[in-house]
N, C-alpha and C. Protein backbone atom coordinates (compact mmCIF):
# COMPACT_ATOMS: atom_id res chain seq x y z
N MET A 1 1.01 -1.09 0.25
CA MET A 1 0.00 -0.02 -0.11
C MET A 1 0.86 1.19 -0.12
N ALA A 2 0.80 2.22 -1.00
CA ALA A 2 1.73 3.28 -1.26
C ALA A 2 1.65 4.22 0.42
N THR A 3 2.14 5.30 0.55
CA THR A 3 2.33 5.67 1.71
C THR A 3 2.60 7.34 1.85
N SER A 4 2.25 8.03 2.23
CA SER A 4 2.40 9.58 1.97
C SER A 4 4.04 9.46 2.60
N THR A 5 4.47 10.57 1.63
CA THR A 5 5.84 11.14 2.05
C THR A 5 5.97 11.73 3.44
N ASN A 6 4.78 12.74 3.66
CA ASN A 6 4.59 13.51 4.37
C ASN A 6 4.70 12.64 6.10
N THR A 7 4.25 11.44 5.66
CA THR A 7 4.49 10.27 6.85
C THR A 7 5.60 10.39 7.40
N PHE A 8 6.12 10.17 6.63
CA PHE A 8 8.17 10.28 7.25
C PHE A 8 8.95 11.74 7.07
N TRP A 9 8.51 12.80 6.23
CA TRP A 9 8.99 14.01 6.10
C TRP A 9 8.42 14.73 6.94
N PRO A 10 9.45 15.92 7.87
CA PRO A 10 8.48 16.65 8.42
C PRO A 10 8.20 18.05 7.52
N VAL A 11 7.81 18.74 7.94
CA VAL A 11 6.75 19.96 7.26
C VAL A 11 7.41 21.44 7.94
N THR A 12 8.15 21.18 8.71
CA THR A 12 9.15 22.02 9.80
C THR A 12 10.62 21.56 9.80
N PRO A 13 11.73 22.54 9.81
CA PRO A 13 12.55 22.06 10.36
C PRO A 13 12.86 21.82 11.45
N ILE A 14 13.84 20.37 11.09
CA ILE A 14 13.84 19.74 12.51
C ILE A 14 14.68 20.57 14.06
N VAL A 15 14.20 20.81 14.70
CA VAL A 15 14.79 21.55 15.89
C VAL A 15 14.95 21.11 17.09
N LEU A 16 16.20 21.14 17.44
CA LEU A 16 16.63 20.16 18.88
C LEU A 16 16.74 20.81 19.73
N GLY A 17 16.17 20.75 20.65
CA GLY A 17 16.45 22.09 21.99
C GLY A 17 16.70 20.74 23.39
N GLY A 18 17.34 21.57 24.29
CA GLY A 18 17.84 21.40 25.49
C GLY A 18 19.33 21.04 25.07
N ASN A 19 19.83 20.95 24.52
CA ASN A 19 21.53 20.64 24.02
C ASN A 19 22.16 21.62 24.65
N ALA A 20 22.78 21.48 26.11
CA ALA A 20 23.11 22.72 26.55
C ALA A 20 24.66 23.29 25.91
N LEU A 21 25.55 22.06 25.30
CA LEU A 21 26.91 22.39 24.35
C LEU A 21 26.65 23.08 23.73
N ILE A 22 25.23 23.01 22.83
CA ILE A 22 24.60 24.33 21.52
C ILE A 22 24.69 25.15 22.50
N ARG A 23 23.43 25.17 23.23
CA ARG A 23 22.89 26.32 23.71
C ARG A 23 23.97 27.55 24.51
N ASP A 24 24.71 27.20 25.30
CA ASP A 24 25.78 27.70 25.52
C ASP A 24 26.75 27.91 25.29
N ALA A 25 27.02 27.63 23.82
CA ALA A 25 28.22 27.91 22.68
C ALA A 25 28.44 29.16 22.40
N SER A 26 29.53 29.95 22.59
CA SER A 26 29.78 31.50 21.96
C SER A 26 29.93 31.21 20.97
N ARG A 27 30.01 32.27 20.03
CA ARG A 27 29.06 32.41 18.46
C ARG A 27 30.68 31.95 17.93
N ASP A 28 32.00 31.63 18.48
CA ASP A 28 32.95 31.57 17.62
C ASP A 28 32.72 29.42 18.11
N GLU A 29 32.30 28.82 19.00
CA GLU A 29 32.39 27.88 19.08
C GLU A 29 31.10 27.35 18.25
N PHE A 30 30.33 27.93 17.93
CA PHE A 30 28.99 27.68 17.02
C PHE A 30 29.05 27.55 15.69
N PHE A 31 30.05 28.72 15.55
CA PHE A 31 30.38 28.86 13.94
C PHE A 31 31.64 27.29 13.45
N ALA A 32 32.52 26.84 14.64
CA ALA A 32 33.88 25.83 14.42
C ALA A 32 32.83 24.53 14.70
N PHE A 33 31.54 24.36 15.63
CA PHE A 33 31.01 22.91 14.94
C PHE A 33 30.26 23.35 14.10
N CYS A 34 30.06 24.45 13.43
CA CYS A 34 28.63 24.17 11.74
C CYS A 34 30.43 23.79 10.51
N GLN A 35 31.38 24.33 10.78
CA GLN A 35 32.66 24.18 10.00
C GLN A 35 33.28 22.66 10.14
N ALA A 36 32.73 22.05 11.28
CA ALA A 36 33.23 20.52 11.51
C ALA A 36 32.28 19.77 11.15
N ASN A 37 31.15 20.04 10.77
CA ASN A 37 29.92 19.39 10.26
C ASN A 37 29.18 19.76 9.07
N GLY A 38 30.39 20.26 7.90
CA GLY A 38 29.70 21.13 6.57
C GLY A 38 28.81 20.20 6.15
N GLU A 39 28.52 19.05 6.38
CA GLU A 39 27.86 18.22 5.16
C GLU A 39 25.72 18.76 5.26
N TYR A 40 26.24 19.38 6.42
CA TYR A 40 24.78 20.28 7.37
C TYR A 40 24.72 21.23 6.87
N ARG A 41 23.30 22.02 7.07
CA ARG A 41 23.19 23.27 7.29
C ARG A 41 22.64 23.65 8.43
N PHE A 42 22.57 24.43 9.37
CA PHE A 42 22.13 25.28 10.61
C PHE A 42 21.78 26.53 10.74
N GLU A 43 20.64 26.61 11.46
CA GLU A 43 20.79 27.94 12.16
C GLU A 43 20.23 27.75 13.80
N ARG A 44 20.32 28.67 14.50
CA ARG A 44 20.14 28.66 15.77
C ARG A 44 19.24 29.81 16.35
N THR A 45 17.97 28.97 17.63
CA THR A 45 16.75 30.28 17.59
C THR A 45 17.62 31.59 18.67
N SER A 46 16.62 31.83 18.97
CA SER A 46 17.24 32.98 20.14
C SER A 46 17.03 32.60 21.27
N GLN A 47 16.80 31.10 21.22
CA GLN A 47 16.53 30.43 22.59
C GLN A 47 17.82 29.40 22.90
N GLY A 48 18.66 29.24 21.35
CA GLY A 48 19.33 28.58 21.57
C GLY A 48 19.71 27.10 20.87
N ASP A 49 18.06 26.78 20.75
CA ASP A 49 18.21 25.47 19.82
C ASP A 49 18.57 25.43 18.82
N LEU A 50 19.28 24.36 18.42
CA LEU A 50 19.29 23.60 16.82
C LEU A 50 18.48 23.97 15.89
N VAL A 51 18.54 24.22 14.87
CA VAL A 51 18.10 24.03 13.75
C VAL A 51 18.33 23.05 12.69
N ILE A 52 17.80 22.11 12.52
CA ILE A 52 18.57 21.40 11.17
C ILE A 52 17.48 21.81 9.54
N MET A 53 18.45 22.36 8.89
CA MET A 53 17.77 22.28 7.36
C MET A 53 17.96 21.91 6.22
N THR A 54 17.06 21.89 5.68
CA THR A 54 17.19 20.28 4.74
C THR A 54 17.57 20.79 3.27
N PRO A 55 18.18 19.96 2.13
CA PRO A 55 18.21 20.41 0.56
C PRO A 55 16.91 21.24 0.31
N THR A 56 16.63 21.51 -0.71
CA THR A 56 15.96 22.31 -1.33
C THR A 56 15.16 20.90 -2.42
N GLY A 57 14.33 21.14 -3.01
CA GLY A 57 13.60 20.07 -4.15
C GLY A 57 14.15 20.85 -5.30
N GLY A 58 13.93 20.15 -6.42
CA GLY A 58 14.18 20.67 -7.68
C GLY A 58 13.53 22.24 -8.41
N ASP A 59 12.17 21.95 -7.71
CA ASP A 59 11.21 23.29 -8.17
C ASP A 59 11.93 24.62 -7.47
N THR A 60 11.74 24.24 -6.14
CA THR A 60 12.31 25.40 -5.51
C THR A 60 13.50 25.77 -5.40
N GLY A 61 14.79 24.82 -5.76
CA GLY A 61 15.78 25.34 -6.64
C GLY A 61 15.68 26.18 -7.33
N ARG A 62 15.30 25.86 -8.46
CA ARG A 62 15.10 26.21 -9.78
C ARG A 62 14.26 27.85 -9.78
N ARG A 63 13.23 28.20 -8.47
CA ARG A 63 12.89 29.44 -8.89
C ARG A 63 14.22 30.12 -7.24
N ASN A 64 14.78 29.36 -6.88
CA ASN A 64 16.03 30.39 -6.36
C ASN A 64 17.13 31.08 -7.44
N PHE A 65 17.38 29.96 -8.38
CA PHE A 65 17.74 30.45 -9.19
C PHE A 65 17.18 31.35 -10.06
N ARG A 66 15.86 31.67 -10.28
CA ARG A 66 15.61 32.50 -11.23
C ARG A 66 15.27 33.63 -10.39
N LEU A 67 15.50 33.74 -8.78
CA LEU A 67 15.92 34.66 -8.18
C LEU A 67 17.02 35.70 -7.65
N TYR A 68 18.00 34.82 -7.22
CA TYR A 68 18.99 35.05 -7.65
C TYR A 68 19.92 35.56 -8.86
N VAL A 69 19.59 35.32 -10.19
CA VAL A 69 20.37 35.87 -11.47
C VAL A 69 19.59 37.22 -11.52
N PRO A 70 18.67 37.81 -11.42
CA PRO A 70 18.20 38.94 -11.49
C PRO A 70 18.70 39.77 -10.53
N PHE A 71 18.55 39.25 -9.71
CA PHE A 71 19.19 40.53 -8.16
C PHE A 71 20.48 40.36 -8.42
N GLY A 72 21.58 39.33 -8.59
CA GLY A 72 22.84 39.28 -9.06
C GLY A 72 23.31 40.60 -9.76
N ILE A 73 22.45 40.76 -11.21
CA ILE A 73 22.62 41.61 -12.31
C ILE A 73 22.61 43.17 -11.64
N TRP A 74 20.92 43.35 -10.98
CA TRP A 74 20.48 44.73 -10.03
C TRP A 74 21.78 45.05 -9.20
N CYS A 75 22.18 43.77 -8.43
CA CYS A 75 23.64 44.06 -7.27
C CYS A 75 24.80 44.85 -7.84
N ASP A 76 24.90 43.79 -9.00
CA ASP A 76 26.29 44.75 -9.81
C ASP A 76 26.41 46.15 -10.19
N GLN A 77 24.91 46.22 -10.85
CA GLN A 77 25.16 47.43 -11.22
C GLN A 77 24.82 48.49 -10.61
N ASP A 78 23.93 48.35 -9.56
CA ASP A 78 23.74 49.44 -8.63
C ASP A 78 24.81 49.83 -7.18
N GLY A 79 25.41 48.55 -7.36
CA GLY A 79 27.05 49.02 -6.51
C GLY A 79 27.23 49.22 -5.35
N THR A 80 25.69 49.74 -4.36
CA THR A 80 26.08 50.33 -3.01
C THR A 80 25.83 49.34 -2.20
N GLY A 81 25.78 47.49 -2.48
CA GLY A 81 26.05 47.19 -1.68
C GLY A 81 26.28 45.45 -2.06
N ILE A 82 25.98 44.45 -0.86
CA ILE A 82 26.46 43.25 -1.18
C ILE A 82 25.63 42.11 -1.22
N ALA A 83 25.56 41.44 -2.20
CA ALA A 83 24.62 39.96 -1.97
C ALA A 83 25.06 38.67 -1.39
N PHE A 84 24.34 37.74 -0.61
CA PHE A 84 24.38 36.95 -0.62
C PHE A 84 23.76 35.63 -0.42
N ASP A 85 24.12 34.46 -0.63
CA ASP A 85 23.41 33.20 -0.78
C ASP A 85 22.49 32.73 0.29
N SER A 86 22.07 31.77 0.31
CA SER A 86 21.88 31.02 1.31
C SER A 86 22.34 30.30 2.31
N SER A 87 23.45 29.91 2.18
CA SER A 87 24.10 29.46 2.57
C SER A 87 24.70 30.00 3.70
N THR A 88 24.45 31.47 3.62
CA THR A 88 25.19 32.52 4.62
C THR A 88 24.38 32.71 5.88
N GLY A 89 24.83 32.68 7.09
CA GLY A 89 24.17 32.99 8.30
C GLY A 89 24.47 34.11 8.95
N PHE A 90 23.50 34.64 9.31
CA PHE A 90 23.97 36.05 9.79
C PHE A 90 23.57 36.38 11.50
N TRP A 91 24.04 36.87 12.51
CA TRP A 91 24.00 36.91 13.90
C TRP A 91 23.16 37.90 14.27
N LEU A 92 21.98 37.37 14.60
CA LEU A 92 20.63 38.63 14.95
C LEU A 92 20.67 39.02 15.86
N ARG A 93 20.24 40.61 16.52
CA ARG A 93 20.08 41.06 17.59
C ARG A 93 19.22 40.37 18.98
N ASN A 94 18.99 39.50 17.94
CA ASN A 94 17.88 38.37 19.82
C ASN A 94 18.44 37.35 19.82
N GLY A 95 20.10 37.08 19.53
CA GLY A 95 20.95 36.18 19.26
C GLY A 95 20.66 35.12 18.72
N ALA A 96 19.83 35.08 17.68
CA ALA A 96 19.55 33.67 16.49
C ALA A 96 20.66 34.08 15.62
N LEU A 97 20.86 32.77 14.87
CA LEU A 97 21.41 32.94 13.66
C LEU A 97 20.83 32.13 12.85
N ARG A 98 20.39 33.50 11.54
CA ARG A 98 19.56 32.54 10.61
C ARG A 98 20.34 32.90 9.32
N SER A 99 19.38 32.02 8.44
CA SER A 99 19.82 31.92 6.96
C SER A 99 19.37 32.22 6.02
N PRO A 100 18.77 33.59 5.26
CA PRO A 100 17.29 33.69 4.44
C PRO A 100 18.30 33.21 3.04
N ASP A 101 17.22 32.72 2.19
CA ASP A 101 17.53 32.18 0.99
C ASP A 101 18.53 33.41 0.15
N LEU A 102 17.98 34.42 0.24
CA LEU A 102 18.58 35.60 -0.36
C LEU A 102 18.78 36.92 0.43
N SER A 103 20.36 37.66 0.25
CA SER A 103 20.37 38.68 1.61
C SER A 103 21.26 39.88 0.76
N TRP A 104 21.36 40.76 1.16
CA TRP A 104 21.93 42.26 0.49
C TRP A 104 22.13 42.85 1.83
N VAL A 105 23.41 43.48 1.89
CA VAL A 105 23.64 44.68 3.01
C VAL A 105 24.41 45.58 2.35
N ARG A 106 23.91 46.78 2.66
CA ARG A 106 24.79 47.97 1.78
C ARG A 106 25.99 48.05 2.50
N ARG A 107 26.93 48.37 1.21
CA ARG A 107 28.57 48.10 0.89
C ARG A 107 28.82 48.93 2.70
N GLU A 108 28.26 50.11 2.93
CA GLU A 108 29.45 50.57 4.04
C GLU A 108 28.94 49.81 5.23
N ARG A 109 27.89 49.25 5.79
CA ARG A 109 27.43 48.05 7.06
C ARG A 109 28.27 47.26 6.67
N TYR A 110 28.79 46.89 5.90
CA TYR A 110 29.49 44.87 5.49
C TYR A 110 30.87 45.81 5.74
N GLU A 111 31.29 46.80 5.03
CA GLU A 111 32.91 46.64 5.37
C GLU A 111 33.52 47.56 6.62
N ALA A 112 32.06 47.67 7.30
CA ALA A 112 32.16 48.08 8.96
C ALA A 112 33.03 47.77 9.79
N LEU A 113 32.50 46.08 9.23
CA LEU A 113 32.74 45.13 10.17
C LEU A 113 34.29 44.68 10.10
N THR A 114 34.61 43.25 11.16
CA THR A 114 36.18 43.60 11.49
C THR A 114 36.45 42.09 10.01
N SER A 115 37.64 41.97 9.50
CA SER A 115 37.64 40.91 8.44
C SER A 115 37.30 39.61 9.35
N ASP A 116 37.33 39.50 10.69
CA ASP A 116 37.00 37.94 11.31
C ASP A 116 35.92 38.03 11.36
N GLU A 117 34.69 38.93 11.55
CA GLU A 117 33.60 38.92 11.61
C GLU A 117 33.09 39.04 9.83
N GLN A 118 33.33 39.52 9.23
CA GLN A 118 33.14 39.08 7.73
C GLN A 118 33.20 37.74 7.27
N LYS A 119 34.62 36.91 7.90
CA LYS A 119 34.43 35.37 7.43
C LYS A 119 33.97 34.55 8.07
N LYS A 120 33.59 34.80 9.49
CA LYS A 120 32.46 34.11 9.65
C LYS A 120 31.08 33.96 10.11
N TYR A 121 30.23 34.23 10.63
CA TYR A 121 28.41 34.61 10.30
C TYR A 121 28.31 36.09 11.01
N PRO A 122 28.26 37.30 10.03
CA PRO A 122 28.42 38.21 10.32
C PRO A 122 27.69 38.83 11.04
N PRO A 123 28.14 39.38 12.36
CA PRO A 123 27.10 39.91 13.22
C PRO A 123 25.96 41.15 12.76
N ILE A 124 25.04 40.85 12.33
CA ILE A 124 24.73 42.14 11.25
C ILE A 124 22.98 41.64 10.86
N ALA A 125 22.22 42.70 10.96
CA ALA A 125 21.10 42.10 10.12
C ALA A 125 21.06 43.01 8.83
N PRO A 126 21.03 41.55 7.51
CA PRO A 126 21.00 42.28 6.15
C PRO A 126 19.77 43.57 6.18
N ASP A 127 20.10 44.38 4.92
CA ASP A 127 18.97 45.43 5.01
C ASP A 127 17.88 44.69 4.19
N PHE A 128 18.19 43.94 3.32
CA PHE A 128 17.34 43.32 2.38
C PHE A 128 17.30 41.63 2.56
N ILE A 129 16.28 40.85 2.91
CA ILE A 129 16.18 39.79 2.71
C ILE A 129 15.02 38.75 1.74
N ALA A 130 15.23 37.83 1.09
CA ALA A 130 14.24 36.69 0.61
C ALA A 130 14.49 35.74 1.23
N GLU A 131 12.87 34.98 1.09
CA GLU A 131 12.57 33.85 1.40
C GLU A 131 11.69 33.37 0.98
N LEU A 132 11.94 31.97 0.43
CA LEU A 132 10.70 31.48 -0.84
C LEU A 132 10.50 30.22 -0.34
N ARG A 133 9.10 30.39 0.12
CA ARG A 133 8.59 28.83 0.34
C ARG A 133 8.61 27.55 -0.89
N SER A 134 8.52 26.86 -0.18
CA SER A 134 8.57 25.26 -0.90
C SER A 134 7.15 24.89 -0.31
N GLU A 135 6.64 24.32 -0.88
CA GLU A 135 5.00 23.22 -1.15
C GLU A 135 5.35 22.65 0.54
N SER A 136 6.34 22.05 0.92
CA SER A 136 6.71 21.51 2.44
C SER A 136 6.44 22.32 3.83
N ASP A 137 7.10 23.69 3.60
CA ASP A 137 7.18 24.46 4.40
C ASP A 137 5.84 24.65 5.14
N ARG A 138 5.65 24.97 6.14
CA ARG A 138 4.49 25.20 7.11
C ARG A 138 4.32 27.15 7.08
N ILE A 139 3.26 27.56 6.51
CA ILE A 139 3.71 29.01 6.28
C ILE A 139 3.24 29.82 7.58
N SER A 140 2.77 28.69 9.06
CA SER A 140 2.96 29.41 9.94
C SER A 140 4.64 30.05 10.60
N HIS A 141 5.22 29.09 10.26
CA HIS A 141 6.98 28.66 10.60
C HIS A 141 7.58 29.92 9.95
N LEU A 142 7.68 30.23 8.34
CA LEU A 142 7.88 31.58 8.03
C LEU A 142 6.98 32.61 7.64
N HIS A 143 5.65 33.10 8.54
CA HIS A 143 5.41 33.63 9.02
C HIS A 143 6.34 34.20 10.15
N ASP A 144 6.54 33.51 11.16
CA ASP A 144 7.35 33.68 12.30
C ASP A 144 8.90 33.86 12.08
N LYS A 145 9.45 33.52 11.27
CA LYS A 145 10.85 34.05 10.60
C LYS A 145 10.79 35.51 10.01
N MET A 146 9.96 35.71 9.08
CA MET A 146 9.43 36.51 8.29
C MET A 146 9.73 37.77 9.54
N GLN A 147 8.77 37.90 10.66
CA GLN A 147 8.44 38.90 11.80
C GLN A 147 9.90 38.87 12.50
N GLU A 148 10.65 37.69 12.54
CA GLU A 148 12.06 38.17 13.40
C GLU A 148 12.49 38.95 12.51
N TRP A 149 12.71 38.56 11.28
CA TRP A 149 13.47 39.57 10.68
C TRP A 149 12.96 41.11 10.60
N ALA A 150 11.90 41.30 10.50
CA ALA A 150 11.48 42.66 10.83
C ALA A 150 11.93 43.55 12.36
N ASP A 151 11.92 42.37 13.37
CA ASP A 151 12.03 42.57 14.36
C ASP A 151 13.59 43.18 14.68
N ASN A 152 14.13 42.57 14.06
CA ASN A 152 15.74 42.65 14.40
C ASN A 152 16.40 43.42 13.55
N GLY A 153 15.56 44.27 12.52
CA GLY A 153 16.51 45.50 11.97
C GLY A 153 16.42 45.42 10.37
N VAL A 154 15.93 44.49 9.94
CA VAL A 154 16.09 44.01 8.28
C VAL A 154 14.65 45.28 8.09
N ARG A 155 15.13 46.28 6.65
CA ARG A 155 14.60 47.18 6.77
C ARG A 155 13.47 46.69 5.38
N LEU A 156 13.68 45.49 4.62
CA LEU A 156 12.71 45.13 3.43
C LEU A 156 12.81 43.66 3.42
N GLY A 157 11.75 42.59 3.29
CA GLY A 157 11.88 41.25 3.57
C GLY A 157 11.06 40.58 2.76
N TRP A 158 11.03 39.69 1.52
CA TRP A 158 10.06 39.34 0.54
C TRP A 158 9.89 37.94 1.15
N LEU A 159 8.55 37.52 1.53
CA LEU A 159 8.26 36.27 1.40
C LEU A 159 7.32 36.08 0.23
N ILE A 160 8.07 34.70 -0.62
CA ILE A 160 7.86 34.34 -1.94
C ILE A 160 6.99 33.22 -1.86
N ASP A 161 5.92 33.63 -1.99
CA ASP A 161 5.05 32.18 -1.86
C ASP A 161 4.07 31.31 -3.31
N PRO A 162 5.02 30.42 -3.84
CA PRO A 162 4.57 30.20 -5.22
C PRO A 162 3.11 29.13 -4.93
N VAL A 163 3.38 28.80 -4.35
CA VAL A 163 2.26 27.59 -3.30
C VAL A 163 0.78 28.31 -3.55
N GLU A 164 0.60 29.71 -2.88
CA GLU A 164 -0.22 30.55 -3.21
C GLU A 164 -0.74 31.82 -4.12
N LYS A 165 0.72 31.67 -4.72
CA LYS A 165 1.15 32.92 -6.14
C LYS A 165 1.11 34.16 -5.15
N ARG A 166 1.75 34.24 -4.25
CA ARG A 166 1.75 35.58 -3.03
C ARG A 166 2.69 35.95 -2.67
N VAL A 167 2.88 37.35 -2.92
CA VAL A 167 4.00 38.07 -2.31
C VAL A 167 4.05 38.93 -0.89
N GLU A 168 4.51 38.56 0.32
CA GLU A 168 4.46 39.50 1.45
C GLU A 168 5.42 40.51 1.59
N ILE A 169 5.07 41.67 2.31
CA ILE A 169 6.53 42.45 1.98
C ILE A 169 6.59 42.91 3.40
N TYR A 170 7.46 42.74 4.29
CA TYR A 170 7.46 43.32 5.26
C TYR A 170 8.31 43.94 5.50
N ARG A 171 8.47 45.07 6.69
CA ARG A 171 9.00 46.55 6.54
C ARG A 171 9.09 46.68 8.40
N PRO A 172 10.24 47.23 9.40
CA PRO A 172 10.02 47.11 10.23
C PRO A 172 8.34 47.92 10.76
N GLY A 173 7.89 47.66 11.85
CA GLY A 173 6.98 48.42 12.47
C GLY A 173 5.74 48.55 11.35
N ASN A 174 5.41 47.81 10.78
CA ASN A 174 4.11 48.02 9.45
C ASN A 174 3.89 46.61 9.39
N ALA A 175 2.58 46.51 9.26
CA ALA A 175 1.78 44.73 8.32
C ALA A 175 2.60 44.74 7.44
N PRO A 176 2.63 43.01 7.69
CA PRO A 176 3.04 43.00 5.85
C PRO A 176 1.61 43.45 4.70
N GLU A 177 2.45 44.02 3.76
CA GLU A 177 1.89 43.93 2.92
C GLU A 177 1.26 43.09 1.74
N ILE A 178 0.13 42.59 1.64
CA ILE A 178 0.10 41.27 0.46
C ILE A 178 -0.32 41.51 -0.62
N LEU A 179 0.88 41.15 -2.10
CA LEU A 179 0.17 40.88 -3.16
C LEU A 179 -0.19 39.45 -3.66
N GLU A 180 -1.41 39.36 -4.18
CA GLU A 180 -1.82 38.58 -4.62
C GLU A 180 -1.43 38.21 -6.57
N ALA A 181 -0.87 37.44 -6.75
CA ALA A 181 -0.08 36.99 -8.30
C ALA A 181 -0.26 37.99 -8.91
N PRO A 182 0.93 38.92 -8.34
CA PRO A 182 1.89 40.03 -8.99
C PRO A 182 2.15 39.65 -9.92
N ALA A 183 2.31 40.46 -10.84
CA ALA A 183 3.18 40.31 -12.16
C ALA A 183 4.36 40.92 -12.13
N HIS A 184 5.00 41.77 -11.31
CA HIS A 184 6.08 42.34 -10.86
C HIS A 184 6.13 42.56 -9.46
N VAL A 185 7.28 42.81 -8.43
CA VAL A 185 7.61 43.44 -7.50
C VAL A 185 8.98 43.94 -7.56
N SER A 186 8.45 45.48 -6.92
CA SER A 186 9.38 46.48 -6.84
C SER A 186 9.87 46.40 -5.49
N GLY A 187 11.35 46.65 -5.32
CA GLY A 187 12.32 46.67 -3.99
C GLY A 187 12.28 48.15 -3.67
N ASP A 188 11.87 49.36 -4.48
CA ASP A 188 11.68 50.30 -4.00
C ASP A 188 11.07 50.75 -2.40
N PRO A 189 11.97 51.69 -2.00
CA PRO A 189 12.50 52.56 -1.92
C PRO A 189 14.37 52.07 -1.52
N GLU A 190 14.38 50.78 -0.96
CA GLU A 190 15.36 50.01 -0.40
C GLU A 190 15.95 49.56 -1.41
N LEU A 191 15.73 48.88 -2.60
CA LEU A 191 16.29 48.89 -3.53
C LEU A 191 15.84 49.66 -4.90
N PRO A 192 16.51 50.34 -5.04
CA PRO A 192 16.27 51.45 -5.89
C PRO A 192 16.48 51.00 -7.47
N GLY A 193 15.51 50.82 -8.25
CA GLY A 193 15.37 49.96 -9.56
C GLY A 193 15.55 48.96 -9.70
N PHE A 194 15.23 47.84 -8.65
CA PHE A 194 14.86 46.56 -8.66
C PHE A 194 13.74 46.02 -8.99
N VAL A 195 13.41 45.48 -9.62
CA VAL A 195 11.89 44.89 -10.08
C VAL A 195 11.91 43.16 -10.61
N LEU A 196 11.05 42.46 -9.78
CA LEU A 196 11.19 40.77 -9.98
C LEU A 196 10.38 41.21 -11.16
N ASP A 197 10.54 40.03 -12.13
CA ASP A 197 9.81 39.49 -13.22
C ASP A 197 8.80 38.07 -12.21
N MET A 198 7.84 38.38 -11.39
CA MET A 198 7.36 37.15 -10.87
C MET A 198 6.64 35.84 -12.13
N ALA A 199 6.94 36.21 -13.51
CA ALA A 199 6.97 34.91 -14.19
C ALA A 199 7.42 34.15 -14.38
N LYS A 200 8.67 34.06 -14.06
CA LYS A 200 9.56 33.53 -14.20
C LYS A 200 9.83 32.46 -12.45
N ILE A 201 9.20 33.37 -11.80
CA ILE A 201 9.17 32.37 -10.33
C ILE A 201 8.16 31.85 -10.35
N TRP A 202 6.73 32.10 -10.84
CA TRP A 202 5.59 31.12 -10.73
C TRP A 202 6.01 29.90 -11.07
């Protein structure tokens, strides 16, 4: 008898709580732990719990690429900031380590970090982040994560939901702006001149 894959695969990331070695690790110790286990991708919550992230499926990887390419072209042309892929972790002021699917930091803010801070997980909230929902992602988990980004200093956050063909736009101190099946999404004023063609994402 066929069994649904959801019987075996969770729809939220695996969170391991109660591990004092992880919870109490310094930032340098946690970075060393992640480097020693480079085949995995980790985040850490503000409570110190370890989050194990899974690889993306084909459709999500394809959509990520369709997001990276136009944003990378805009970033090179604009020149005011530095873009990062989904492997980059950032320490937030609430103590969490988070890795968005795409992020961008204004150049002067990134260059103000020390060389060591740049080599490890930068202790800085990106100016812009994007999260791309996959079919297995629980939307409530992504809403919590987007609100955490906004609460910790991210100036502009996009939650791109191909499942519902919706984009939610987050800014600090504001309720999310909901765009239903938009043809384009503009990054103005935080990302002047950047417009994402959503037909390539849907």
